[in-house]
């Protein structure tokens, strides 16, 4: 499987982690979440889960108000909480 925008595939022969990494930056803030194959039942299922969360997070970040060109602290906290619950 090939990486996509904001989603990177990690597959190593000798690594403890195999899965997808979601990484998105908006207004100087970076958000990262890992989707391991073991937890989601395989590479395709972890990709589907990562794509779903990515779309929801993009919607949240694009509609969020900016303070001096940056995301507000409340938006950052809300986004981090959203990622931690998934």
N, C-alpha and C. Protein backbone atom coordinates (compact mmCIF):
# COMPACT_ATOMS: atom_id res chain seq x y z
N UNK A 1 0.85 -1.18 0.00
CA UNK A 1 0.00 0.00 0.00
C UNK A 1 0.88 1.24 0.00
N UNK A 2 0.40 2.25 -0.64
CA UNK A 2 1.16 3.47 -0.81
C UNK A 2 0.64 4.55 0.13
N UNK A 3 1.54 5.40 0.59
CA UNK A 3 1.16 6.51 1.46
C UNK A 3 0.30 7.50 0.69
N UNK A 4 -0.53 8.23 1.43
CA UNK A 4 -1.40 9.25 0.86
C UNK A 4 -1.14 10.55 1.59
N UNK A 5 -1.71 11.63 1.10
CA UNK A 5 -1.50 12.92 1.76
C UNK A 5 -2.02 12.85 3.19
N UNK A 6 -1.18 13.22 4.13
CA UNK A 6 -1.45 13.23 5.56
C UNK A 6 -1.50 11.83 6.18
N UNK A 7 -1.32 10.78 5.40
CA UNK A 7 -1.30 9.40 5.91
C UNK A 7 -0.04 8.71 5.39
N UNK A 8 0.74 8.16 6.31
CA UNK A 8 1.99 7.50 5.95
C UNK A 8 1.93 6.05 6.42
N UNK A 9 2.32 5.14 5.55
CA UNK A 9 2.34 3.72 5.88
C UNK A 9 3.68 3.36 6.49
N UNK A 10 3.66 2.68 7.65
CA UNK A 10 4.87 2.19 8.30
C UNK A 10 4.84 0.68 8.26
N UNK A 11 5.78 0.08 7.53
CA UNK A 11 5.92 -1.36 7.46
C UNK A 11 7.40 -1.69 7.50
N UNK A 12 7.83 -2.29 8.58
CA UNK A 12 9.22 -2.68 8.74
C UNK A 12 9.27 -4.14 9.15
N UNK A 13 10.27 -4.86 8.69
CA UNK A 13 10.38 -6.27 9.03
C UNK A 13 10.67 -6.49 10.52
N UNK A 14 11.48 -5.64 11.12
CA UNK A 14 11.92 -5.85 12.49
C UNK A 14 11.37 -4.81 13.47
N UNK A 15 10.30 -4.13 13.11
CA UNK A 15 9.76 -3.08 13.98
C UNK A 15 8.56 -3.60 14.76
N UNK A 16 8.31 -2.99 15.88
CA UNK A 16 7.17 -3.37 16.69
C UNK A 16 5.87 -2.76 16.16
N UNK A 17 5.97 -1.75 15.29
CA UNK A 17 4.77 -1.07 14.80
C UNK A 17 4.63 -1.25 13.30
N UNK A 18 3.44 -1.67 12.91
CA UNK A 18 3.06 -1.69 11.50
C UNK A 18 1.67 -1.09 11.42
N UNK A 19 1.51 -0.09 10.60
CA UNK A 19 0.22 0.56 10.47
C UNK A 19 0.34 1.90 9.77
N UNK A 20 -0.63 2.74 10.01
CA UNK A 20 -0.72 4.06 9.39
C UNK A 20 -0.52 5.15 10.42
N UNK A 21 0.13 6.22 9.99
CA UNK A 21 0.30 7.40 10.84
C UNK A 21 -0.41 8.57 10.18
N UNK A 22 -1.32 9.17 10.91
CA UNK A 22 -2.01 10.38 10.46
C UNK A 22 -1.21 11.56 11.01
N UNK A 23 -0.84 12.48 10.16
CA UNK A 23 -0.11 13.67 10.59
C UNK A 23 -0.62 14.85 9.76
N UNK A 24 -1.18 15.84 10.45
CA UNK A 24 -1.73 17.00 9.76
C UNK A 24 -1.31 18.26 10.51
N UNK A 25 -0.92 19.26 9.76
CA UNK A 25 -0.51 20.54 10.35
C UNK A 25 -1.43 21.64 9.84
N UNK A 26 -1.87 22.47 10.76
CA UNK A 26 -2.69 23.62 10.41
C UNK A 26 -2.27 24.80 11.30
N UNK A 27 -2.01 25.90 10.66
CA UNK A 27 -1.69 27.17 11.37
C UNK A 27 -0.61 26.99 12.43
N UNK A 28 0.43 26.25 12.11
CA UNK A 28 1.56 26.10 13.02
C UNK A 28 1.42 25.03 14.07
N UNK A 29 0.35 24.25 14.05
CA UNK A 29 0.13 23.19 15.02
C UNK A 29 0.04 21.85 14.28
N UNK A 30 0.76 20.85 14.78
CA UNK A 30 0.76 19.53 14.16
C UNK A 30 0.04 18.54 15.05
N UNK A 31 -0.80 17.72 14.43
CA UNK A 31 -1.54 16.68 15.13
C UNK A 31 -1.14 15.34 14.53
N UNK A 32 -0.85 14.35 15.41
CA UNK A 32 -0.41 13.04 14.96
C UNK A 32 -1.17 11.95 15.71
N UNK A 33 -1.53 10.89 14.98
CA UNK A 33 -2.22 9.75 15.56
C UNK A 33 -1.79 8.51 14.80
N UNK A 34 -1.55 7.41 15.51
CA UNK A 34 -1.14 6.16 14.89
C UNK A 34 -2.31 5.18 14.86
N UNK A 35 -2.40 4.42 13.77
CA UNK A 35 -3.45 3.42 13.57
C UNK A 35 -2.79 2.08 13.29
N UNK A 36 -2.51 1.29 14.35
CA UNK A 36 -1.80 0.03 14.16
C UNK A 36 -2.69 -1.05 13.52
N UNK A 37 -2.08 -1.86 12.67
CA UNK A 37 -2.80 -2.94 12.00
C UNK A 37 -3.38 -3.93 13.01
N UNK A 38 -2.64 -4.23 14.07
CA UNK A 38 -3.10 -5.21 15.06
C UNK A 38 -4.39 -4.76 15.74
N UNK A 39 -4.49 -3.49 16.04
CA UNK A 39 -5.67 -2.98 16.73
C UNK A 39 -6.91 -2.95 15.82
N UNK A 40 -6.70 -2.63 14.55
CA UNK A 40 -7.83 -2.44 13.64
C UNK A 40 -8.11 -3.65 12.75
N UNK A 41 -7.30 -4.69 12.84
CA UNK A 41 -7.58 -5.91 12.10
C UNK A 41 -6.98 -6.00 10.72
N UNK A 42 -5.91 -5.29 10.47
CA UNK A 42 -5.22 -5.40 9.18
C UNK A 42 -4.97 -4.05 8.55
N UNK A 43 -4.15 -4.05 7.49
CA UNK A 43 -3.76 -2.79 6.85
C UNK A 43 -4.92 -2.02 6.24
N UNK A 44 -5.84 -2.70 5.59
CA UNK A 44 -6.96 -2.00 4.95
C UNK A 44 -7.92 -1.40 5.97
N UNK A 45 -8.18 -2.14 7.03
CA UNK A 45 -9.10 -1.63 8.06
C UNK A 45 -8.48 -0.46 8.82
N UNK A 46 -7.19 -0.52 9.07
CA UNK A 46 -6.54 0.61 9.76
C UNK A 46 -6.51 1.83 8.85
N UNK A 47 -6.36 1.63 7.55
CA UNK A 47 -6.40 2.74 6.59
C UNK A 47 -7.78 3.38 6.56
N UNK A 48 -8.82 2.57 6.54
CA UNK A 48 -10.19 3.10 6.53
C UNK A 48 -10.44 3.93 7.80
N UNK A 49 -10.00 3.42 8.94
CA UNK A 49 -10.17 4.15 10.21
C UNK A 49 -9.40 5.47 10.17
N UNK A 50 -8.18 5.44 9.66
CA UNK A 50 -7.36 6.65 9.59
C UNK A 50 -7.98 7.68 8.65
N UNK A 51 -8.50 7.24 7.51
CA UNK A 51 -9.13 8.17 6.56
C UNK A 51 -10.38 8.80 7.16
N UNK A 52 -11.15 8.03 7.90
CA UNK A 52 -12.37 8.56 8.53
C UNK A 52 -12.02 9.65 9.55
N UNK A 53 -11.05 9.37 10.40
CA UNK A 53 -10.64 10.34 11.42
C UNK A 53 -10.01 11.57 10.76
N UNK A 54 -9.25 11.37 9.70
CA UNK A 54 -8.63 12.49 8.99
C UNK A 54 -9.69 13.44 8.44
N UNK A 55 -10.72 12.91 7.83
CA UNK A 55 -11.79 13.76 7.28
C UNK A 55 -12.51 14.54 8.38
N UNK A 56 -12.79 13.87 9.49
CA UNK A 56 -13.47 14.55 10.61
C UNK A 56 -12.57 15.64 11.20
N UNK A 57 -11.29 15.34 11.35
CA UNK A 57 -10.35 16.31 11.91
C UNK A 57 -10.17 17.50 10.97
N UNK A 58 -10.09 17.25 9.66
CA UNK A 58 -9.99 18.35 8.69
C UNK A 58 -11.20 19.27 8.80
N UNK A 59 -12.39 18.69 8.92
CA UNK A 59 -13.60 19.50 9.06
C UNK A 59 -13.55 20.37 10.30
N UNK A 60 -13.09 19.79 11.39
CA UNK A 60 -12.98 20.53 12.65
C UNK A 60 -11.97 21.68 12.53
N UNK A 61 -10.83 21.40 11.93
CA UNK A 61 -9.77 22.41 11.84
C UNK A 61 -10.07 23.50 10.82
N UNK A 62 -10.69 23.15 9.71
CA UNK A 62 -10.98 24.15 8.68
C UNK A 62 -12.05 25.14 9.12
N UNK A 63 -12.98 24.70 9.94
CA UNK A 63 -14.05 25.59 10.38
C UNK A 63 -13.71 26.33 11.68
N UNK A 64 -12.55 26.04 12.25
CA UNK A 64 -12.17 26.62 13.54
C UNK A 64 -11.74 28.08 13.37
N UNK A 65 -12.09 28.91 14.35
CA UNK A 65 -11.65 30.31 14.30
C UNK A 65 -10.15 30.42 14.56
N UNK A 66 -9.54 31.44 14.01
CA UNK A 66 -8.11 31.70 14.19
C UNK A 66 -7.92 32.92 15.08
N UNK A 67 -6.85 32.90 15.86
CA UNK A 67 -6.46 34.02 16.69
C UNK A 67 -5.07 34.43 16.24
N UNK A 68 -4.97 35.59 15.60
CA UNK A 68 -3.72 36.09 15.05
C UNK A 68 -3.08 35.06 14.10
N UNK A 69 -3.91 34.41 13.30
CA UNK A 69 -3.43 33.45 12.32
C UNK A 69 -3.15 32.05 12.85
N UNK A 70 -3.33 31.85 14.12
CA UNK A 70 -3.08 30.54 14.74
C UNK A 70 -4.40 29.95 15.23
N UNK A 71 -4.41 28.63 15.42
CA UNK A 71 -5.58 27.99 16.00
C UNK A 71 -5.71 28.43 17.45
N UNK A 72 -6.94 28.57 17.91
CA UNK A 72 -7.15 28.97 19.30
C UNK A 72 -6.79 27.81 20.22
N UNK A 73 -6.38 28.11 21.45
CA UNK A 73 -6.06 27.05 22.41
C UNK A 73 -7.24 26.07 22.62
N UNK A 74 -8.45 26.59 22.58
CA UNK A 74 -9.62 25.73 22.75
C UNK A 74 -9.75 24.74 21.59
N UNK A 75 -9.47 25.19 20.38
CA UNK A 75 -9.53 24.31 19.20
C UNK A 75 -8.45 23.24 19.27
N UNK A 76 -7.26 23.62 19.69
CA UNK A 76 -6.16 22.67 19.82
C UNK A 76 -6.51 21.60 20.84
N UNK A 77 -7.03 22.03 21.97
CA UNK A 77 -7.40 21.09 23.02
C UNK A 77 -8.52 20.16 22.54
N UNK A 78 -9.50 20.72 21.86
CA UNK A 78 -10.62 19.93 21.34
C UNK A 78 -10.13 18.90 20.33
N UNK A 79 -9.22 19.29 19.46
CA UNK A 79 -8.67 18.38 18.46
C UNK A 79 -7.87 17.26 19.10
N UNK A 80 -7.04 17.60 20.08
CA UNK A 80 -6.24 16.59 20.77
C UNK A 80 -7.13 15.63 21.53
N UNK A 81 -8.19 16.13 22.14
CA UNK A 81 -9.13 15.27 22.85
C UNK A 81 -9.85 14.35 21.87
N UNK A 82 -10.23 14.87 20.72
CA UNK A 82 -10.88 14.07 19.68
C UNK A 82 -9.96 12.93 19.24
N UNK A 83 -8.67 13.20 19.01
CA UNK A 83 -7.74 12.18 18.57
C UNK A 83 -7.47 11.14 19.67
N UNK A 84 -7.45 11.58 20.91
CA UNK A 84 -7.17 10.64 22.00
C UNK A 84 -8.33 9.67 22.24
N UNK A 85 -9.54 10.05 21.89
CA UNK A 85 -10.70 9.18 22.11
C UNK A 85 -10.90 8.15 21.01
N UNK A 86 -10.21 8.32 19.89
CA UNK A 86 -10.40 7.38 18.78
C UNK A 86 -9.42 6.26 18.81
